mmCIF file of all heavy atoms, coordinates in Angstrom:
data_MODEL
# 
_entry.id   MODEL 
# 
loop_
_atom_site.group_PDB 
_atom_site.id 
_atom_site.type_symbol 
_atom_site.label_atom_id 
_atom_site.label_alt_id 
_atom_site.label_comp_id 
_atom_site.label_asym_id 
_atom_site.label_entity_id 
_atom_site.label_seq_id 
_atom_site.pdbx_PDB_ins_code 
_atom_site.Cartn_x 
_atom_site.Cartn_y 
_atom_site.Cartn_z 
_atom_site.occupancy 
_atom_site.B_iso_or_equiv 
_atom_site.pdbx_formal_charge 
_atom_site.auth_seq_id 
_atom_site.auth_comp_id 
_atom_site.auth_asym_id 
_atom_site.auth_atom_id 
_atom_site.pdbx_PDB_model_num 
ATOM 1   N N   . LEU A 1 1  ? -0.782  -54.150 5.815  1.00 0.00 ? 1  LEU A N   1 
ATOM 2   C CA  . LEU A 1 1  ? -0.543  -54.387 7.231  1.00 0.00 ? 1  LEU A CA  1 
ATOM 3   C C   . LEU A 1 1  ? -1.756  -54.009 8.059  1.00 0.00 ? 1  LEU A C   1 
ATOM 4   O O   . LEU A 1 1  ? -2.116  -54.713 9.023  1.00 0.00 ? 1  LEU A O   1 
ATOM 5   C CB  . LEU A 1 1  ? 0.682   -53.596 7.684  1.00 0.00 ? 1  LEU A CB  1 
ATOM 6   C CG  . LEU A 1 1  ? 1.063   -53.708 9.162  1.00 0.00 ? 1  LEU A CG  1 
ATOM 7   C CD1 . LEU A 1 1  ? 1.251   -55.160 9.561  1.00 0.00 ? 1  LEU A CD1 1 
ATOM 8   C CD2 . LEU A 1 1  ? 2.322   -52.897 9.445  1.00 0.00 ? 1  LEU A CD2 1 
ATOM 9   N N   . ALA A 1 2  ? -2.408  -52.909 7.715  1.00 0.00 ? 2  ALA A N   1 
ATOM 10  C CA  . ALA A 1 2  ? -3.617  -52.512 8.434  1.00 0.00 ? 2  ALA A CA  1 
ATOM 11  C C   . ALA A 1 2  ? -4.709  -53.569 8.295  1.00 0.00 ? 2  ALA A C   1 
ATOM 12  O O   . ALA A 1 2  ? -5.413  -53.894 9.265  1.00 0.00 ? 2  ALA A O   1 
ATOM 13  C CB  . ALA A 1 2  ? -4.112  -51.163 7.920  1.00 0.00 ? 2  ALA A CB  1 
ATOM 14  N N   . PHE A 1 3  ? -4.860  -54.145 7.108  1.00 0.00 ? 3  PHE A N   1 
ATOM 15  C CA  . PHE A 1 3  ? -5.868  -55.185 6.901  1.00 0.00 ? 3  PHE A CA  1 
ATOM 16  C C   . PHE A 1 3  ? -5.554  -56.427 7.737  1.00 0.00 ? 3  PHE A C   1 
ATOM 17  O O   . PHE A 1 3  ? -6.466  -57.027 8.328  1.00 0.00 ? 3  PHE A O   1 
ATOM 18  C CB  . PHE A 1 3  ? -5.933  -55.554 5.420  1.00 0.00 ? 3  PHE A CB  1 
ATOM 19  C CG  . PHE A 1 3  ? -6.799  -56.748 5.139  1.00 0.00 ? 3  PHE A CG  1 
ATOM 20  C CD1 . PHE A 1 3  ? -8.177  -56.638 5.138  1.00 0.00 ? 3  PHE A CD1 1 
ATOM 21  C CD2 . PHE A 1 3  ? -6.231  -57.989 4.894  1.00 0.00 ? 3  PHE A CD2 1 
ATOM 22  C CE1 . PHE A 1 3  ? -8.981  -57.740 4.892  1.00 0.00 ? 3  PHE A CE1 1 
ATOM 23  C CE2 . PHE A 1 3  ? -7.019  -59.094 4.648  1.00 0.00 ? 3  PHE A CE2 1 
ATOM 24  C CZ  . PHE A 1 3  ? -8.402  -58.973 4.646  1.00 0.00 ? 3  PHE A CZ  1 
ATOM 25  N N   . VAL A 1 4  ? -4.274  -56.808 7.791  1.00 0.00 ? 4  VAL A N   1 
ATOM 26  C CA  . VAL A 1 4  ? -3.890  -57.975 8.586  1.00 0.00 ? 4  VAL A CA  1 
ATOM 27  C C   . VAL A 1 4  ? -4.227  -57.762 10.057 1.00 0.00 ? 4  VAL A C   1 
ATOM 28  O O   . VAL A 1 4  ? -4.770  -58.659 10.720 1.00 0.00 ? 4  VAL A O   1 
ATOM 29  C CB  . VAL A 1 4  ? -2.390  -58.269 8.392  1.00 0.00 ? 4  VAL A CB  1 
ATOM 30  C CG1 . VAL A 1 4  ? -1.912  -59.312 9.407  1.00 0.00 ? 4  VAL A CG1 1 
ATOM 31  C CG2 . VAL A 1 4  ? -2.122  -58.759 6.979  1.00 0.00 ? 4  VAL A CG2 1 
ATOM 32  N N   . LEU A 1 5  ? -3.920  -56.582 10.585 1.00 0.00 ? 5  LEU A N   1 
ATOM 33  C CA  . LEU A 1 5  ? -4.216  -56.312 11.988 1.00 0.00 ? 5  LEU A CA  1 
ATOM 34  C C   . LEU A 1 5  ? -5.721  -56.301 12.255 1.00 0.00 ? 5  LEU A C   1 
ATOM 35  O O   . LEU A 1 5  ? -6.189  -56.856 13.254 1.00 0.00 ? 5  LEU A O   1 
ATOM 36  C CB  . LEU A 1 5  ? -3.596  -54.977 12.397 1.00 0.00 ? 5  LEU A CB  1 
ATOM 37  C CG  . LEU A 1 5  ? -2.082  -54.965 12.610 1.00 0.00 ? 5  LEU A CG  1 
ATOM 38  C CD1 . LEU A 1 5  ? -1.611  -53.555 12.916 1.00 0.00 ? 5  LEU A CD1 1 
ATOM 39  C CD2 . LEU A 1 5  ? -1.684  -55.904 13.728 1.00 0.00 ? 5  LEU A CD2 1 
ATOM 40  N N   . ILE A 1 6  ? -6.474  -55.666 11.376 1.00 0.00 ? 6  ILE A N   1 
ATOM 41  C CA  . ILE A 1 6  ? -7.919  -55.606 11.572 1.00 0.00 ? 6  ILE A CA  1 
ATOM 42  C C   . ILE A 1 6  ? -8.540  -56.996 11.489 1.00 0.00 ? 6  ILE A C   1 
ATOM 43  O O   . ILE A 1 6  ? -9.457  -57.343 12.243 1.00 0.00 ? 6  ILE A O   1 
ATOM 44  C CB  . ILE A 1 6  ? -8.548  -54.659 10.535 1.00 0.00 ? 6  ILE A CB  1 
ATOM 45  C CG1 . ILE A 1 6  ? -8.072  -53.225 10.786 1.00 0.00 ? 6  ILE A CG1 1 
ATOM 46  C CG2 . ILE A 1 6  ? -10.074 -54.722 10.592 1.00 0.00 ? 6  ILE A CG2 1 
ATOM 47  C CD1 . ILE A 1 6  ? -8.507  -52.238 9.725  1.00 0.00 ? 6  ILE A CD1 1 
ATOM 48  N N   . ALA A 1 7  ? -8.024  -57.834 10.569 1.00 0.00 ? 7  ALA A N   1 
ATOM 49  C CA  . ALA A 1 7  ? -8.590  -59.176 10.411 1.00 0.00 ? 7  ALA A CA  1 
ATOM 50  C C   . ALA A 1 7  ? -8.221  -60.106 11.558 1.00 0.00 ? 7  ALA A C   1 
ATOM 51  O O   . ALA A 1 7  ? -8.934  -61.081 11.815 1.00 0.00 ? 7  ALA A O   1 
ATOM 52  C CB  . ALA A 1 7  ? -8.120  -59.783 9.088  1.00 0.00 ? 7  ALA A CB  1 
ATOM 53  N N   . THR A 1 8  ? -7.120  -59.815 12.254 1.00 0.00 ? 8  THR A N   1 
ATOM 54  C CA  . THR A 1 8  ? -6.684  -60.698 13.344 1.00 0.00 ? 8  THR A CA  1 
ATOM 55  C C   . THR A 1 8  ? -7.086  -60.168 14.713 1.00 0.00 ? 8  THR A C   1 
ATOM 56  O O   . THR A 1 8  ? -7.732  -60.880 15.499 1.00 0.00 ? 8  THR A O   1 
ATOM 57  C CB  . THR A 1 8  ? -5.160  -60.888 13.286 1.00 0.00 ? 8  THR A CB  1 
ATOM 58  O OG1 . THR A 1 8  ? -4.519  -59.589 13.257 1.00 0.00 ? 8  THR A OG1 1 
ATOM 59  C CG2 . THR A 1 8  ? -4.757  -61.677 12.056 1.00 0.00 ? 8  THR A CG2 1 
ATOM 60  N N   . ILE A 1 9  ? -6.713  -58.931 15.030 1.00 0.00 ? 9  ILE A N   1 
ATOM 61  C CA  . ILE A 1 9  ? -7.008  -58.396 16.366 1.00 0.00 ? 9  ILE A CA  1 
ATOM 62  C C   . ILE A 1 9  ? -7.903  -57.176 16.290 1.00 0.00 ? 9  ILE A C   1 
ATOM 63  O O   . ILE A 1 9  ? -7.892  -56.334 17.207 1.00 0.00 ? 9  ILE A O   1 
ATOM 64  C CB  . ILE A 1 9  ? -5.710  -58.057 17.128 1.00 0.00 ? 9  ILE A CB  1 
ATOM 65  C CG1 . ILE A 1 9  ? -4.888  -57.005 16.368 1.00 0.00 ? 9  ILE A CG1 1 
ATOM 66  C CG2 . ILE A 1 9  ? -4.887  -59.299 17.387 1.00 0.00 ? 9  ILE A CG2 1 
ATOM 67  C CD1 . ILE A 1 9  ? -3.682  -56.503 17.148 1.00 0.00 ? 9  ILE A CD1 1 
ATOM 68  N N   . GLY A 1 10 ? -8.667  -57.028 15.213 1.00 0.00 ? 10 GLY A N   1 
ATOM 69  C CA  . GLY A 1 10 ? -9.647  -55.952 15.141 1.00 0.00 ? 10 GLY A CA  1 
ATOM 70  C C   . GLY A 1 10 ? -10.815 -56.225 16.064 1.00 0.00 ? 10 GLY A C   1 
ATOM 71  O O   . GLY A 1 10 ? -10.881 -57.243 16.765 1.00 0.00 ? 10 GLY A O   1 
ATOM 72  N N   . THR A 1 11 ? -11.775 -55.333 16.073 1.00 0.00 ? 11 THR A N   1 
ATOM 73  C CA  . THR A 1 11 ? -12.930 -55.501 16.960 1.00 0.00 ? 11 THR A CA  1 
ATOM 74  C C   . THR A 1 11 ? -13.712 -56.773 16.649 1.00 0.00 ? 11 THR A C   1 
ATOM 75  O O   . THR A 1 11 ? -14.340 -57.348 17.541 1.00 0.00 ? 11 THR A O   1 
ATOM 76  C CB  . THR A 1 11 ? -13.867 -54.283 16.835 1.00 0.00 ? 11 THR A CB  1 
ATOM 77  O OG1 . THR A 1 11 ? -14.190 -54.060 15.456 1.00 0.00 ? 11 THR A OG1 1 
ATOM 78  C CG2 . THR A 1 11 ? -13.182 -53.039 17.395 1.00 0.00 ? 11 THR A CG2 1 
ATOM 79  N N   . GLN A 1 12 ? -13.663 -57.231 15.397 1.00 0.00 ? 12 GLN A N   1 
ATOM 80  C CA  . GLN A 1 12 ? -14.299 -58.491 15.020 1.00 0.00 ? 12 GLN A CA  1 
ATOM 81  C C   . GLN A 1 12 ? -13.283 -59.438 14.391 1.00 0.00 ? 12 GLN A C   1 
ATOM 82  O O   . GLN A 1 12 ? -13.653 -60.283 13.562 1.00 0.00 ? 12 GLN A O   1 
ATOM 83  C CB  . GLN A 1 12 ? -15.456 -58.227 14.034 1.00 0.00 ? 12 GLN A CB  1 
ATOM 84  C CG  . GLN A 1 12 ? -16.583 -57.382 14.588 1.00 0.00 ? 12 GLN A CG  1 
ATOM 85  C CD  . GLN A 1 12 ? -17.275 -58.041 15.763 1.00 0.00 ? 12 GLN A CD  1 
ATOM 86  O OE1 . GLN A 1 12 ? -17.448 -59.262 15.792 1.00 0.00 ? 12 GLN A OE1 1 
ATOM 87  N NE2 . GLN A 1 12 ? -17.705 -57.238 16.739 1.00 0.00 ? 12 GLN A NE2 1 
ATOM 88  N N   . GLY A 1 13 ? -12.022 -59.313 14.781 1.00 0.00 ? 13 GLY A N   1 
ATOM 89  C CA  . GLY A 1 13 ? -10.970 -60.132 14.214 1.00 0.00 ? 13 GLY A CA  1 
ATOM 90  C C   . GLY A 1 13 ? -11.022 -61.570 14.702 1.00 0.00 ? 13 GLY A C   1 
ATOM 91  O O   . GLY A 1 13 ? -11.719 -61.910 15.673 1.00 0.00 ? 13 GLY A O   1 
ATOM 92  N N   . VAL A 1 14 ? -10.258 -62.419 14.028 1.00 0.00 ? 14 VAL A N   1 
ATOM 93  C CA  . VAL A 1 14 ? -10.254 -63.846 14.365 1.00 0.00 ? 14 VAL A CA  1 
ATOM 94  C C   . VAL A 1 14 ? -9.752  -64.070 15.786 1.00 0.00 ? 14 VAL A C   1 
ATOM 95  O O   . VAL A 1 14 ? -10.374 -64.779 16.588 1.00 0.00 ? 14 VAL A O   1 
ATOM 96  C CB  . VAL A 1 14 ? -9.395  -64.620 13.348 1.00 0.00 ? 14 VAL A CB  1 
ATOM 97  C CG1 . VAL A 1 14 ? -9.305  -66.094 13.736 1.00 0.00 ? 14 VAL A CG1 1 
ATOM 98  C CG2 . VAL A 1 14 ? -9.956  -64.466 11.942 1.00 0.00 ? 14 VAL A CG2 1 
ATOM 99  N N   . VAL A 1 15 ? -8.616  -63.485 16.119 1.00 0.00 ? 15 VAL A N   1 
ATOM 100 C CA  . VAL A 1 15 ? -8.055  -63.662 17.456 1.00 0.00 ? 15 VAL A CA  1 
ATOM 101 C C   . VAL A 1 15 ? -8.959  -63.034 18.507 1.00 0.00 ? 15 VAL A C   1 
ATOM 102 O O   . VAL A 1 15 ? -9.146  -63.590 19.604 1.00 0.00 ? 15 VAL A O   1 
ATOM 103 C CB  . VAL A 1 15 ? -6.635  -63.077 17.525 1.00 0.00 ? 15 VAL A CB  1 
ATOM 104 C CG1 . VAL A 1 15 ? -6.074  -63.174 18.941 1.00 0.00 ? 15 VAL A CG1 1 
ATOM 105 C CG2 . VAL A 1 15 ? -5.711  -63.785 16.542 1.00 0.00 ? 15 VAL A CG2 1 
ATOM 106 N N   . THR A 1 16 ? -9.525  -61.907 18.197 1.00 0.00 ? 16 THR A N   1 
ATOM 107 C CA  . THR A 1 16 ? -10.422 -61.243 19.139 1.00 0.00 ? 16 THR A CA  1 
ATOM 108 C C   . THR A 1 16 ? -11.632 -62.108 19.465 1.00 0.00 ? 16 THR A C   1 
ATOM 109 O O   . THR A 1 16 ? -12.034 -62.252 20.634 1.00 0.00 ? 16 THR A O   1 
ATOM 110 C CB  . THR A 1 16 ? -10.889 -59.893 18.570 1.00 0.00 ? 16 THR A CB  1 
ATOM 111 O OG1 . THR A 1 16 ? -9.751  -59.094 18.251 1.00 0.00 ? 16 THR A OG1 1 
ATOM 112 C CG2 . THR A 1 16 ? -11.749 -59.150 19.571 1.00 0.00 ? 16 THR A CG2 1 
ATOM 113 N N   . ARG A 1 17 ? -12.224 -62.728 18.447 1.00 0.00 ? 17 ARG A N   1 
ATOM 114 C CA  . ARG A 1 17 ? -13.388 -63.589 18.669 1.00 0.00 ? 17 ARG A CA  1 
ATOM 115 C C   . ARG A 1 17 ? -13.010 -64.852 19.431 1.00 0.00 ? 17 ARG A C   1 
ATOM 116 O O   . ARG A 1 17 ? -13.775 -65.318 20.293 1.00 0.00 ? 17 ARG A O   1 
ATOM 117 C CB  . ARG A 1 17 ? -14.019 -63.965 17.323 1.00 0.00 ? 17 ARG A CB  1 
ATOM 118 C CG  . ARG A 1 17 ? -14.534 -62.772 16.511 1.00 0.00 ? 17 ARG A CG  1 
ATOM 119 C CD  . ARG A 1 17 ? -15.556 -61.977 17.267 1.00 0.00 ? 17 ARG A CD  1 
ATOM 120 N NE  . ARG A 1 17 ? -16.689 -62.805 17.684 1.00 0.00 ? 17 ARG A NE  1 
ATOM 121 C CZ  . ARG A 1 17 ? -17.662 -62.399 18.469 1.00 0.00 ? 17 ARG A CZ  1 
ATOM 122 N NH1 . ARG A 1 17 ? -17.623 -61.165 18.973 1.00 0.00 ? 17 ARG A NH1 1 
ATOM 123 N NH2 . ARG A 1 17 ? -18.672 -63.206 18.777 1.00 0.00 ? 17 ARG A NH2 1 
ATOM 124 N N   . LEU A 1 18 ? -11.830 -65.425 19.135 1.00 0.00 ? 18 LEU A N   1 
ATOM 125 C CA  . LEU A 1 18 ? -11.394 -66.613 19.853 1.00 0.00 ? 18 LEU A CA  1 
ATOM 126 C C   . LEU A 1 18 ? -11.184 -66.317 21.333 1.00 0.00 ? 18 LEU A C   1 
ATOM 127 O O   . LEU A 1 18 ? -11.585 -67.101 22.207 1.00 0.00 ? 18 LEU A O   1 
ATOM 128 C CB  . LEU A 1 18 ? -10.114 -67.162 19.229 1.00 0.00 ? 18 LEU A CB  1 
ATOM 129 C CG  . LEU A 1 18 ? -10.260 -67.877 17.880 1.00 0.00 ? 18 LEU A CG  1 
ATOM 130 C CD1 . LEU A 1 18 ? -8.890  -68.273 17.339 1.00 0.00 ? 18 LEU A CD1 1 
ATOM 131 C CD2 . LEU A 1 18 ? -11.154 -69.101 18.016 1.00 0.00 ? 18 LEU A CD2 1 
ATOM 132 N N   . LEU A 1 19 ? -10.529 -65.215 21.649 1.00 0.00 ? 19 LEU A N   1 
ATOM 133 C CA  . LEU A 1 19 ? -10.308 -64.848 23.047 1.00 0.00 ? 19 LEU A CA  1 
ATOM 134 C C   . LEU A 1 19 ? -11.630 -64.604 23.768 1.00 0.00 ? 19 LEU A C   1 
ATOM 135 O O   . LEU A 1 19 ? -11.774 -64.926 24.950 1.00 0.00 ? 19 LEU A O   1 
ATOM 136 C CB  . LEU A 1 19 ? -9.418  -63.603 23.120 1.00 0.00 ? 19 LEU A CB  1 
ATOM 137 C CG  . LEU A 1 19 ? -7.975  -63.764 22.660 1.00 0.00 ? 19 LEU A CG  1 
ATOM 138 C CD1 . LEU A 1 19 ? -7.253  -62.419 22.710 1.00 0.00 ? 19 LEU A CD1 1 
ATOM 139 C CD2 . LEU A 1 19 ? -7.252  -64.791 23.508 1.00 0.00 ? 19 LEU A CD2 1 
ATOM 140 N N   . SER A 1 20 ? -12.580 -64.041 23.051 1.00 0.00 ? 20 SER A N   1 
ATOM 141 C CA  . SER A 1 20 ? -13.879 -63.766 23.674 1.00 0.00 ? 20 SER A CA  1 
ATOM 142 C C   . SER A 1 20 ? -14.686 -65.042 23.875 1.00 0.00 ? 20 SER A C   1 
ATOM 143 O O   . SER A 1 20 ? -15.296 -65.243 24.936 1.00 0.00 ? 20 SER A O   1 
ATOM 144 C CB  . SER A 1 20 ? -14.657 -62.775 22.814 1.00 0.00 ? 20 SER A CB  1 
ATOM 145 O OG  . SER A 1 20 ? -15.943 -62.546 23.336 1.00 0.00 ? 20 SER A OG  1 
ATOM 146 N N   . ASP A 1 21 ? -14.703 -65.923 22.876 1.00 0.00 ? 21 ASP A N   1 
ATOM 147 C CA  . ASP A 1 21 ? -15.526 -67.130 22.961 1.00 0.00 ? 21 ASP A CA  1 
ATOM 148 C C   . ASP A 1 21 ? -14.932 -68.183 23.884 1.00 0.00 ? 21 ASP A C   1 
ATOM 149 O O   . ASP A 1 21 ? -15.662 -68.861 24.613 1.00 0.00 ? 21 ASP A O   1 
ATOM 150 C CB  . ASP A 1 21 ? -15.720 -67.723 21.559 1.00 0.00 ? 21 ASP A CB  1 
ATOM 151 C CG  . ASP A 1 21 ? -16.486 -66.783 20.635 1.00 0.00 ? 21 ASP A CG  1 
ATOM 152 O OD1 . ASP A 1 21 ? -17.181 -65.889 21.163 1.00 0.00 ? 21 ASP A OD1 1 
ATOM 153 O OD2 . ASP A 1 21 ? -16.370 -66.929 19.404 1.00 0.00 ? 21 ASP A OD2 1 
ATOM 154 N N   . LEU A 1 22 ? -13.601 -68.334 23.866 1.00 0.00 ? 22 LEU A N   1 
ATOM 155 C CA  . LEU A 1 22 ? -12.969 -69.398 24.647 1.00 0.00 ? 22 LEU A CA  1 
ATOM 156 C C   . LEU A 1 22 ? -12.658 -68.985 26.075 1.00 0.00 ? 22 LEU A C   1 
ATOM 157 O O   . LEU A 1 22 ? -12.777 -69.789 27.006 1.00 0.00 ? 22 LEU A O   1 
ATOM 158 C CB  . LEU A 1 22 ? -11.694 -69.863 23.949 1.00 0.00 ? 22 LEU A CB  1 
ATOM 159 C CG  . LEU A 1 22 ? -11.866 -70.488 22.550 1.00 0.00 ? 22 LEU A CG  1 
ATOM 160 C CD1 . LEU A 1 22 ? -10.512 -70.889 21.972 1.00 0.00 ? 22 LEU A CD1 1 
ATOM 161 C CD2 . LEU A 1 22 ? -12.799 -71.696 22.607 1.00 0.00 ? 22 LEU A CD2 1 
ATOM 162 N N   . PHE A 1 23 ? -12.218 -67.736 26.256 1.00 0.00 ? 23 PHE A N   1 
ATOM 163 C CA  . PHE A 1 23 ? -11.758 -67.314 27.580 1.00 0.00 ? 23 PHE A CA  1 
ATOM 164 C C   . PHE A 1 23 ? -12.577 -66.161 28.152 1.00 0.00 ? 23 PHE A C   1 
ATOM 165 O O   . PHE A 1 23 ? -12.333 -65.735 29.285 1.00 0.00 ? 23 PHE A O   1 
ATOM 166 C CB  . PHE A 1 23 ? -10.282 -66.904 27.521 1.00 0.00 ? 23 PHE A CB  1 
ATOM 167 C CG  . PHE A 1 23 ? -9.382  -67.964 26.963 1.00 0.00 ? 23 PHE A CG  1 
ATOM 168 C CD1 . PHE A 1 23 ? -8.941  -67.884 25.642 1.00 0.00 ? 23 PHE A CD1 1 
ATOM 169 C CD2 . PHE A 1 23 ? -8.984  -69.051 27.733 1.00 0.00 ? 23 PHE A CD2 1 
ATOM 170 C CE1 . PHE A 1 23 ? -8.102  -68.853 25.115 1.00 0.00 ? 23 PHE A CE1 1 
ATOM 171 C CE2 . PHE A 1 23 ? -8.156  -70.026 27.211 1.00 0.00 ? 23 PHE A CE2 1 
ATOM 172 C CZ  . PHE A 1 23 ? -7.722  -69.939 25.893 1.00 0.00 ? 23 PHE A CZ  1 
ATOM 173 N N   . GLY A 1 24 ? -13.512 -65.634 27.384 1.00 0.00 ? 24 GLY A N   1 
ATOM 174 C CA  . GLY A 1 24 ? -14.296 -64.511 27.874 1.00 0.00 ? 24 GLY A CA  1 
ATOM 175 C C   . GLY A 1 24 ? -13.503 -63.230 28.015 1.00 0.00 ? 24 GLY A C   1 
ATOM 176 O O   . GLY A 1 24 ? -13.902 -62.324 28.761 1.00 0.00 ? 24 GLY A O   1 
# 
């Protein structure tokens, strides 16, 4: 579960990067 969270909403996670690149 920790790996899933880090990979999705971690500091370099997929969702984190998408929110930063698309919406700033």
